[in-house]
Amino acid sequence: MAARVFLGLMGLMWAGYGIWCFLSPGYLQEAVGIAALAGTPGLVDLRATYGGLQTAVGVLLLGGALRPANTRSVLATYGVLCAGLGSARLAAALLSAEWSSYTSIGVGFELGSVAVVLALLARSRISA
């Protein structure tokens, strides 16, 4: 049950952030320093990556929360996604010696999510 609650909360958060970024890609310039310099192609890519992909992750997580048969595999998938994203963000921040609050929060959230996923997978016997 804890895994499904975790996936549900994370799913709402990822989907909400994705929808927000899709509808307001200009927010990313203020929060992260990412802007569409090439006009339409840039906005399309920002909306696809920060909007569509993040919304898709949220929908995946909600699917794992709502369908117990999928919970364990979705939880494992989320762990892998966050491990990749968090470790790449950490490595990039170390390489560039750039630590914004957004980067710090991102690393903490992503690698923290990996820790929660590992704990949930280790302690639960979710049927596949």
Protein backbone atom coordinates (compact mmCIF):
# COMPACT_ATOMS: atom_id res chain seq x y z
CA MET A 1 0.00 0.00 0.00
CA ALA A 2 2.84 2.43 0.81
CA ALA A 3 4.30 1.92 -2.66
CA ARG A 4 0.97 2.75 -4.31
CA VAL A 5 0.56 5.90 -2.21
CA PHE A 6 4.11 6.97 -3.05
CA LEU A 7 3.54 6.36 -6.76
CA GLY A 8 0.24 8.23 -6.64
CA LEU A 9 1.75 11.30 -4.97
CA MET A 10 4.78 11.31 -7.25
CA GLY A 11 2.55 10.76 -10.28
CA LEU A 12 0.41 13.78 -9.44
CA MET A 13 3.49 15.88 -8.89
CA TRP A 14 5.26 14.83 -12.11
CA ALA A 15 2.11 15.17 -14.22
CA GLY A 16 1.26 18.53 -12.68
CA TYR A 17 4.75 19.90 -13.29
CA GLY A 18 4.74 18.55 -16.83
CA ILE A 19 1.40 20.15 -17.64
CA TRP A 20 2.58 23.43 -16.13
CA CYS A 21 5.79 23.37 -18.19
CA PHE A 22 3.83 22.50 -21.33
CA LEU A 23 1.42 25.38 -20.86
CA SER A 24 4.02 27.90 -19.59
CA PRO A 25 7.45 27.04 -21.00
CA GLY A 26 8.62 30.57 -20.18
CA TYR A 27 8.60 29.54 -16.52
CA LEU A 28 11.71 27.47 -17.23
CA GLN A 29 13.71 30.59 -18.09
CA GLU A 30 13.05 32.04 -14.65
CA ALA A 31 13.42 28.82 -12.65
CA VAL A 32 16.20 27.04 -14.49
CA GLY A 33 17.68 29.51 -16.96
CA ILE A 34 16.46 27.56 -20.00
CA ALA A 35 14.96 29.58 -22.82
CA ALA A 36 13.84 28.92 -26.38
CA LEU A 37 16.37 30.91 -28.40
CA ALA A 38 15.25 29.55 -31.76
CA GLY A 39 11.60 30.54 -31.41
CA THR A 40 9.13 27.87 -32.38
CA PRO A 41 11.56 24.89 -32.60
CA GLY A 42 12.88 25.75 -29.14
CA LEU A 43 9.40 26.05 -27.65
CA VAL A 44 8.39 22.77 -29.24
CA ASP A 45 11.37 21.01 -27.66
CA LEU A 46 10.82 22.60 -24.23
CA ARG A 47 7.18 21.61 -24.30
CA ALA A 48 8.02 18.08 -25.43
CA THR A 49 10.81 17.48 -22.93
CA TYR A 50 9.67 19.38 -19.86
CA GLY A 51 5.97 19.12 -20.64
CA GLY A 52 5.28 15.88 -22.45
CA LEU A 53 7.98 13.65 -20.99
CA GLN A 54 7.39 14.74 -17.41
CA THR A 55 3.64 14.34 -17.83
CA ALA A 56 4.22 10.86 -19.26
CA VAL A 57 6.31 9.90 -16.23
CA GLY A 58 3.46 11.11 -14.04
CA VAL A 59 0.90 9.06 -15.96
CA LEU A 60 3.15 5.99 -15.71
CA LEU A 61 3.40 6.43 -11.94
CA LEU A 62 -0.34 6.92 -11.59
CA GLY A 63 -0.84 3.70 -13.55
CA GLY A 64 1.36 1.89 -11.05
CA ALA A 65 -0.61 3.39 -8.18
CA LEU A 66 -4.00 2.48 -9.61
CA ARG A 67 -3.17 -1.01 -10.92
CA PRO A 68 -1.66 -3.18 -8.18
CA ALA A 69 -0.50 -5.75 -10.73
CA ASN A 70 1.81 -3.10 -12.20
CA THR A 71 3.00 -1.47 -8.98
CA ARG A 72 6.29 -3.33 -8.57
CA SER A 73 7.44 -2.92 -12.19
CA VAL A 74 6.45 0.76 -12.29
CA LEU A 75 8.22 1.35 -8.98
CA ALA A 76 11.39 -0.27 -10.35
CA THR A 77 11.13 1.73 -13.58
CA TYR A 78 10.75 4.95 -11.60
CA GLY A 79 13.83 4.07 -9.59
CA VAL A 80 15.89 3.59 -12.74
CA LEU A 81 14.59 6.85 -14.27
CA CYS A 82 15.40 8.83 -11.13
CA ALA A 83 18.82 7.18 -10.76
CA GLY A 84 19.72 8.20 -14.30
CA LEU A 85 18.37 11.71 -13.99
CA GLY A 86 19.77 12.35 -10.51
CA SER A 87 23.23 10.94 -11.19
CA ALA A 88 23.51 12.86 -14.48
CA ARG A 89 22.37 16.07 -12.77
CA LEU A 90 24.87 15.53 -9.96
CA ALA A 91 27.73 14.77 -12.38
CA ALA A 92 26.88 17.80 -14.53
CA ALA A 93 26.76 20.08 -11.49
CA LEU A 94 30.13 18.77 -10.30
CA LEU A 95 31.68 19.13 -13.77
CA SER A 96 30.49 22.70 -14.19
CA ALA A 97 30.80 23.67 -10.51
CA GLU A 98 27.29 25.15 -10.77
CA TRP A 99 24.92 24.69 -7.85
CA SER A 100 21.65 26.54 -8.11
CA SER A 101 18.81 25.91 -5.71
CA TYR A 102 16.95 24.21 -8.56
CA THR A 103 19.88 21.84 -9.12
CA SER A 104 20.21 21.06 -5.42
CA ILE A 105 16.49 20.40 -5.06
CA GLY A 106 16.52 18.26 -8.20
CA VAL A 107 19.45 16.10 -7.05
CA GLY A 108 17.89 15.68 -3.62
CA PHE A 109 14.48 14.84 -5.03
CA GLU A 110 15.73 12.40 -7.66
CA LEU A 111 18.28 10.54 -5.55
CA GLY A 112 15.91 10.68 -2.57
CA SER A 113 13.27 9.05 -4.76
CA VAL A 114 15.74 6.28 -5.59
CA ALA A 115 16.29 5.66 -1.87
CA VAL A 116 12.53 5.49 -1.24
CA VAL A 117 12.03 3.14 -4.20
CA LEU A 118 14.78 0.82 -2.95
CA ALA A 119 13.31 0.80 0.55
CA LEU A 120 9.82 0.07 -0.74
CA LEU A 121 11.03 -2.69 -3.03
CA ALA A 122 13.08 -4.26 -0.25
CA ARG A 123 10.34 -4.29 2.39
CA SER A 124 7.28 -5.11 0.35
CA ARG A 125 5.99 -8.23 -1.31
CA ILE A 126 3.96 -6.59 -4.07
CA SER A 127 2.58 -9.17 -6.46
CA ALA A 128 3.69 -8.71 -10.03
